[in-house]
N, C-alpha and C. Protein backbone atom coordinates (compact mmCIF):
# COMPACT_ATOMS: atom_id res chain seq x y z
N UNK A 1 101.28 181.53 -11.67
CA UNK A 1 102.66 181.35 -11.65
C UNK A 1 103.52 181.18 -13.16
N UNK A 2 104.13 182.11 -13.29
CA UNK A 2 105.23 181.85 -14.96
C UNK A 2 106.08 181.13 -14.40
N UNK A 3 106.21 179.94 -15.10
CA UNK A 3 106.93 178.38 -15.29
C UNK A 3 108.81 179.23 -15.15
N UNK A 4 109.80 178.79 -14.41
CA UNK A 4 110.75 179.63 -14.89
C UNK A 4 111.65 178.73 -15.55
N UNK A 5 111.99 179.66 -16.37
CA UNK A 5 113.29 179.29 -17.71
C UNK A 5 113.82 177.85 -17.06
N UNK A 6 114.12 176.57 -18.04
CA UNK A 6 114.89 175.57 -17.60
C UNK A 6 115.89 175.44 -18.85
N UNK A 7 116.99 174.63 -18.46
CA UNK A 7 118.09 174.90 -19.50
C UNK A 7 118.17 173.63 -19.97
N UNK A 8 118.72 173.10 -21.16
CA UNK A 8 118.60 171.89 -22.09
C UNK A 8 118.65 170.62 -21.06
N UNK A 9 120.22 170.73 -20.10
CA UNK A 9 120.18 169.90 -19.34
C UNK A 9 119.90 169.64 -18.36
N UNK A 10 118.74 170.91 -17.96
CA UNK A 10 117.44 170.85 -16.82
C UNK A 10 116.36 169.83 -17.35
N UNK A 11 116.62 169.94 -18.72
CA UNK A 11 115.18 169.35 -19.00
C UNK A 11 114.99 167.85 -19.20
N UNK A 12 116.56 167.33 -19.11
CA UNK A 12 117.16 166.23 -19.49
C UNK A 12 116.92 165.89 -17.84
N UNK A 13 116.75 166.22 -17.05
CA UNK A 13 117.10 165.43 -15.45
C UNK A 13 115.26 165.35 -15.30
N UNK A 14 115.07 166.58 -15.47
CA UNK A 14 113.28 167.21 -15.25
C UNK A 14 112.56 165.74 -16.11
N UNK A 15 112.57 165.79 -16.75
CA UNK A 15 111.94 164.32 -17.80
C UNK A 15 112.46 163.00 -16.91
N UNK A 16 113.01 163.19 -16.30
CA UNK A 16 113.90 161.60 -15.28
C UNK A 16 113.16 161.79 -13.94
N UNK A 17 112.79 162.62 -13.45
CA UNK A 17 111.96 163.08 -12.47
C UNK A 17 110.19 162.88 -12.72
N UNK A 18 110.26 163.12 -13.98
CA UNK A 18 108.50 163.08 -13.92
C UNK A 18 108.06 162.04 -14.35
N UNK A 19 109.05 161.18 -14.93
CA UNK A 19 108.97 160.01 -15.04
C UNK A 19 108.52 159.05 -14.07
N UNK A 20 109.68 159.14 -13.07
CA UNK A 20 109.68 158.45 -11.95
C UNK A 20 109.82 159.38 -10.23
N UNK A 21 108.86 159.68 -10.03
CA UNK A 21 109.01 160.21 -8.41
C UNK A 21 108.15 159.57 -7.34
N UNK A 22 108.54 160.11 -5.96
CA UNK A 22 109.90 160.54 -5.68
C UNK A 22 110.72 159.91 -6.00
N UNK A 23 112.37 160.50 -5.70
CA UNK A 23 113.45 159.74 -6.40
C UNK A 23 114.95 160.43 -6.41
N UNK A 24 115.77 160.04 -5.86
CA UNK A 24 116.86 160.07 -5.35
C UNK A 24 117.90 160.21 -6.61
N UNK A 25 118.95 161.73 -5.84
CA UNK A 25 119.55 162.20 -7.17
C UNK A 25 120.57 160.95 -7.94
N UNK A 26 120.76 160.07 -7.04
CA UNK A 26 121.31 158.73 -7.71
C UNK A 26 120.54 157.70 -8.54
N UNK A 27 119.44 157.72 -8.69
CA UNK A 27 118.45 157.10 -9.65
C UNK A 27 118.42 158.30 -10.72
N UNK A 28 118.43 159.43 -10.31
CA UNK A 28 118.20 160.30 -11.34
C UNK A 28 119.31 160.24 -12.20
N UNK A 29 120.60 159.94 -11.69
CA UNK A 29 121.81 159.62 -12.43
C UNK A 29 121.83 158.40 -13.09
N UNK A 30 121.27 157.78 -12.42
CA UNK A 30 121.52 155.92 -12.99
C UNK A 30 120.61 156.07 -14.06
N UNK A 31 119.47 156.99 -14.12
CA UNK A 31 118.96 156.78 -15.44
C UNK A 31 119.08 157.73 -16.80
N UNK A 32 120.01 158.60 -16.47
CA UNK A 32 120.30 159.27 -17.48
C UNK A 32 121.33 158.50 -18.63
N UNK A 33 121.38 158.50 -19.80
CA UNK A 33 121.84 157.98 -20.45
C UNK A 33 123.09 158.57 -20.47
N UNK A 34 124.27 157.16 -20.30
CA UNK A 34 125.95 157.09 -20.35
C UNK A 34 126.47 157.66 -20.98
N UNK A 35 126.31 158.28 -22.32
CA UNK A 35 126.95 159.48 -23.40
C UNK A 35 126.78 160.81 -22.69
N UNK A 36 125.64 160.81 -21.98
CA UNK A 36 126.42 162.02 -21.33
C UNK A 36 127.59 162.33 -20.43
N UNK A 37 128.13 161.09 -19.69
CA UNK A 37 129.28 161.60 -19.27
C UNK A 37 129.51 162.75 -18.18
N UNK A 38 128.28 162.39 -17.47
CA UNK A 38 127.97 163.67 -16.52
C UNK A 38 128.56 163.04 -15.07
N UNK A 39 128.73 163.56 -14.41
CA UNK A 39 129.01 162.67 -13.30
C UNK A 39 127.97 163.01 -12.17
N UNK A 40 127.77 161.96 -10.85
CA UNK A 40 126.87 162.57 -10.27
C UNK A 40 126.57 163.83 -9.76
N UNK A 41 127.98 164.28 -9.40
CA UNK A 41 128.04 165.66 -8.70
C UNK A 41 127.57 166.82 -9.25
N UNK A 42 127.25 166.57 -11.09
CA UNK A 42 126.95 167.69 -11.90
C UNK A 42 125.31 167.56 -11.99
N UNK A 43 124.74 166.12 -11.66
CA UNK A 43 123.64 165.65 -11.52
C UNK A 43 122.94 166.73 -10.18
N UNK A 44 123.52 166.94 -9.26
CA UNK A 44 123.20 167.01 -7.91
C UNK A 44 122.84 168.62 -8.04
N UNK A 45 124.27 169.40 -8.39
CA UNK A 45 124.19 170.53 -9.07
C UNK A 45 123.17 170.70 -10.06
N UNK A 46 122.96 170.05 -11.01
CA UNK A 46 121.32 170.55 -11.99
C UNK A 46 120.16 170.65 -10.90
N UNK A 47 120.26 169.58 -9.47
CA UNK A 47 118.71 169.27 -9.09
C UNK A 47 118.79 170.44 -8.23
N UNK A 48 119.96 170.93 -7.34
CA UNK A 48 120.08 172.24 -6.69
C UNK A 48 119.10 173.58 -7.40
N UNK A 49 119.74 173.53 -8.35
CA UNK A 49 119.38 174.66 -9.75
C UNK A 49 117.99 174.85 -9.69
N UNK A 50 117.26 173.91 -9.80
CA UNK A 50 116.01 173.22 -10.00
C UNK A 50 115.27 173.17 -8.67
N UNK A 51 116.08 172.92 -7.73
CA UNK A 51 114.99 173.29 -6.50
C UNK A 51 115.08 174.98 -6.13
N UNK A 52 115.98 175.67 -6.49
CA UNK A 52 116.24 176.84 -6.61
C UNK A 52 115.19 177.87 -7.33
N UNK A 53 114.83 177.15 -8.61
CA UNK A 53 114.15 177.77 -9.53
C UNK A 53 112.48 177.30 -9.07
N UNK A 54 112.24 176.77 -8.19
CA UNK A 54 111.17 176.41 -7.56
C UNK A 54 110.06 175.15 -8.59
N UNK A 55 111.04 174.65 -9.16
CA UNK A 55 110.67 173.54 -10.50
C UNK A 55 110.74 172.20 -9.33
N UNK A 56 111.37 171.58 -8.38
CA UNK A 56 111.69 170.43 -7.37
C UNK A 56 111.47 170.80 -6.32
N UNK A 57 110.53 170.40 -5.31
CA UNK A 57 110.98 170.11 -4.19
C UNK A 57 111.63 169.29 -3.51
N UNK A 58 112.65 169.07 -2.35
CA UNK A 58 113.18 168.14 -1.78
C UNK A 58 113.15 167.67 -0.55
N UNK A 59 113.10 166.56 0.04
CA UNK A 59 112.68 166.20 1.25
C UNK A 59 114.14 165.60 1.62
N UNK A 60 114.54 165.12 2.83
CA UNK A 60 115.50 164.18 3.08
C UNK A 60 114.90 163.08 3.81
N UNK A 61 115.09 161.96 3.37
CA UNK A 61 114.82 160.45 3.89
C UNK A 61 116.33 160.01 3.70
N UNK A 62 116.26 159.85 5.15
CA UNK A 62 117.64 159.33 5.61
C UNK A 62 118.51 159.45 4.93
N UNK A 63 119.56 159.25 4.49
CA UNK A 63 120.98 159.80 4.27
C UNK A 63 120.97 160.55 2.59
N UNK A 64 119.68 160.08 1.92
CA UNK A 64 119.56 161.07 0.78
C UNK A 64 118.20 162.06 0.65
N UNK A 65 118.69 163.04 -0.01
CA UNK A 65 117.59 163.76 -0.41
C UNK A 65 116.64 163.20 -1.55
N UNK A 66 115.69 163.60 -1.59
CA UNK A 66 114.57 163.00 -2.68
C UNK A 66 114.02 164.09 -2.70
N UNK A 67 113.29 163.69 -4.47
CA UNK A 67 113.23 165.27 -5.16
C UNK A 67 111.76 164.60 -5.86
N UNK A 68 110.69 165.76 -5.54
CA UNK A 68 109.67 165.51 -6.48
C UNK A 68 109.65 166.93 -7.18
N UNK A 69 108.44 166.93 -8.17
CA UNK A 69 108.33 168.09 -9.16
C UNK A 69 107.14 168.62 -8.52
N UNK A 70 107.47 170.06 -8.46
CA UNK A 70 106.40 170.99 -7.96
C UNK A 70 105.42 171.18 -9.23
N UNK A 71 106.05 171.05 -10.12
CA UNK A 71 105.25 171.76 -11.78
C UNK A 71 105.26 170.57 -12.60
N UNK A 72 104.21 170.75 -12.62
CA UNK A 72 103.91 169.55 -13.89
C UNK A 72 104.21 169.72 -15.31
N UNK A 73 104.58 168.52 -15.90
CA UNK A 73 105.49 168.50 -17.33
C UNK A 73 104.59 169.83 -18.18
N UNK A 74 103.37 169.16 -18.46
CA UNK A 74 102.93 170.26 -19.17
C UNK A 74 102.76 171.82 -18.71
N UNK A 75 102.81 171.98 -17.86
CA UNK A 75 102.97 173.44 -17.24
C UNK A 75 104.43 174.22 -17.93
N UNK A 76 105.39 173.35 -17.88
CA UNK A 76 106.67 173.36 -18.02
C UNK A 76 106.84 173.93 -19.49
N UNK A 77 106.29 172.69 -20.46
CA UNK A 77 106.12 172.59 -21.79
C UNK A 77 105.93 174.15 -22.41
N UNK A 78 104.29 174.16 -21.66
CA UNK A 78 103.51 175.47 -22.14
C UNK A 78 104.51 176.40 -21.90
N UNK A 79 104.93 176.54 -20.99
CA UNK A 79 105.74 177.92 -20.62
C UNK A 79 107.21 178.49 -21.81
N UNK A 80 107.96 177.27 -22.18
CA UNK A 80 108.74 176.65 -22.48
C UNK A 80 108.15 177.01 -24.29
N UNK A 81 107.09 176.76 -24.75
CA UNK A 81 106.97 176.64 -26.08
C UNK A 81 106.24 178.02 -26.38
N UNK A 82 105.51 178.69 -24.92
CA UNK A 82 105.12 180.10 -25.06
C UNK A 82 106.72 181.25 -25.98
N UNK A 83 107.58 180.44 -24.62
CA UNK A 83 108.98 181.96 -24.85
C UNK A 83 109.38 181.35 -26.33
N UNK A 84 109.77 180.52 -26.96
CA UNK A 84 110.26 180.18 -28.08
C UNK A 84 109.60 180.57 -28.84
N UNK A 85 108.23 180.49 -29.03
CA UNK A 85 107.27 181.12 -29.55
C UNK A 85 107.70 183.07 -30.12
N UNK A 86 108.06 183.47 -28.66
CA UNK A 86 107.97 184.83 -28.50
C UNK A 86 109.54 184.95 -29.32
N UNK A 87 110.70 184.58 -28.70
CA UNK A 87 111.72 184.58 -29.00
C UNK A 87 112.26 184.28 -30.45
N UNK A 88 111.92 183.29 -30.86
CA UNK A 88 112.09 182.72 -32.76
C UNK A 88 110.84 183.42 -33.56
N UNK A 89 110.19 182.90 -33.14
CA UNK A 89 109.17 183.23 -34.13
C UNK A 89 107.90 185.00 -34.06
N UNK A 90 108.56 185.80 -32.81
CA UNK A 90 107.96 186.95 -32.51
C UNK A 90 106.22 186.78 -32.33
N UNK A 91 106.04 185.82 -31.80
CA UNK A 91 104.79 185.22 -31.69
C UNK A 91 103.85 184.71 -33.09
N UNK A 92 104.79 184.82 -33.85
CA UNK A 92 103.78 184.50 -35.31
C UNK A 92 103.22 182.97 -34.71
N UNK A 93 102.44 182.13 -34.77
CA UNK A 93 102.00 180.89 -34.45
C UNK A 93 101.99 180.29 -35.46
N UNK A 94 101.19 180.90 -36.81
CA UNK A 94 101.47 180.63 -37.91
C UNK A 94 102.40 180.23 -38.68
N UNK A 95 103.53 180.78 -38.49
CA UNK A 95 104.89 180.97 -39.34
C UNK A 95 105.42 179.87 -38.42
N UNK A 96 105.33 179.44 -37.10
CA UNK A 96 105.92 178.38 -36.62
C UNK A 96 105.34 177.61 -36.66
N UNK A 97 103.97 176.82 -37.41
CA UNK A 97 103.19 175.62 -37.80
C UNK A 97 103.64 175.34 -39.08
N UNK A 98 103.77 176.28 -39.92
CA UNK A 98 104.31 176.38 -41.51
C UNK A 98 106.07 175.56 -41.39
N UNK A 99 106.50 176.86 -40.19
CA UNK A 99 107.91 176.03 -40.72
C UNK A 99 108.47 174.69 -40.08
N UNK A 100 107.46 173.70 -39.33
CA UNK A 100 107.79 172.83 -38.92
C UNK A 100 106.81 171.80 -39.70
N UNK A 101 105.66 172.05 -40.00
CA UNK A 101 105.33 171.11 -41.42
C UNK A 101 105.73 170.76 -42.47
N UNK A 102 106.93 172.00 -42.70
CA UNK A 102 107.24 171.64 -43.86
C UNK A 102 108.52 171.09 -43.97
N UNK A 103 109.73 170.77 -42.56
CA UNK A 103 110.60 170.22 -42.19
C UNK A 103 109.86 169.10 -41.56
N UNK A 104 108.83 168.76 -41.48
CA UNK A 104 108.85 167.33 -40.81
C UNK A 104 108.49 166.65 -41.57
N UNK A 105 108.70 165.12 -40.86
CA UNK A 105 108.50 164.16 -41.42
C UNK A 105 106.75 163.38 -41.74
N UNK A 106 105.76 164.23 -41.37
CA UNK A 106 104.79 163.67 -40.98
C UNK A 106 103.99 162.92 -41.23
N UNK A 107 103.23 161.81 -40.70
CA UNK A 107 102.58 160.50 -40.70
C UNK A 107 101.17 161.05 -41.37
N UNK A 108 100.52 159.97 -42.03
CA UNK A 108 99.08 160.67 -42.18
C UNK A 108 98.25 161.10 -40.84
N UNK A 109 98.28 159.99 -40.36
CA UNK A 109 97.53 160.05 -38.55
C UNK A 109 97.82 161.71 -37.84
N UNK A 110 99.02 162.18 -38.18
CA UNK A 110 99.27 163.64 -37.77
C UNK A 110 99.35 164.38 -38.59
N UNK A 111 98.98 164.00 -40.18
CA UNK A 111 98.53 165.01 -40.89
C UNK A 111 96.79 165.25 -41.13
N UNK A 112 96.40 164.23 -40.60
CA UNK A 112 94.60 164.06 -40.23
C UNK A 112 94.28 165.47 -39.11
N UNK A 113 94.99 164.98 -38.16
CA UNK A 113 95.23 165.75 -36.44
C UNK A 113 95.07 166.99 -36.98
N UNK A 114 96.16 167.61 -37.75
CA UNK A 114 96.51 168.91 -38.04
C UNK A 114 95.38 169.48 -38.97
N UNK A 115 94.77 168.74 -39.69
CA UNK A 115 94.03 169.19 -40.42
C UNK A 115 92.52 169.47 -39.81
N UNK A 116 92.54 168.75 -38.82
CA UNK A 116 91.15 169.02 -37.47
C UNK A 116 90.89 169.88 -37.02
N UNK A 117 92.03 170.13 -36.08
CA UNK A 117 92.76 171.49 -35.37
C UNK A 117 92.66 172.49 -36.36
N UNK A 118 93.21 172.55 -37.40
CA UNK A 118 92.95 173.79 -38.37
C UNK A 118 91.16 174.05 -38.67
N UNK A 119 90.75 172.82 -39.19
CA UNK A 119 88.90 172.69 -39.38
C UNK A 119 88.24 173.55 -38.14
N UNK A 120 88.64 173.39 -37.51
CA UNK A 120 87.88 173.58 -35.65
C UNK A 120 88.58 174.74 -35.74
N UNK A 121 89.68 175.54 -35.68
CA UNK A 121 89.95 177.28 -35.46
C UNK A 121 89.05 177.64 -36.99
N UNK A 122 89.01 177.50 -37.70
CA UNK A 122 88.35 178.05 -39.08
C UNK A 122 87.32 178.14 -38.37
N UNK A 123 86.57 176.79 -37.98
CA UNK A 123 85.23 177.32 -37.69
C UNK A 123 84.79 178.01 -36.65
N UNK A 124 85.76 178.43 -35.56
CA UNK A 124 85.66 179.35 -34.42
C UNK A 124 85.76 180.61 -34.90
N UNK A 125 86.25 180.99 -36.24
CA UNK A 125 86.21 182.24 -36.87
C UNK A 125 84.90 182.86 -37.62
């Protein structure tokens, strides 16, 4: 199954749900940064969209709807990464890596990790 597209705002909501579930809309609302200035109704709209997209499941518990992720974060990250690679870099993974490596402030450990990945890839060729 291909993961549905998730908007930036929906990612914020999903990050809360992935970190704590099952979760009610009011708890999602409370966990979001106050500078967002979203109303509870806005959060409910995002949750409803995510249910429609098949990313969240919803059950009624008492008077509240309780949400659970139907997709793992890793599945959505992989789909979003693949989509970004195709849309922005026309599928050229090397160009993407170069772009971000040139702009990122990488630690020695991160550089070593990248070198190890590249060395392993080179060994498989």
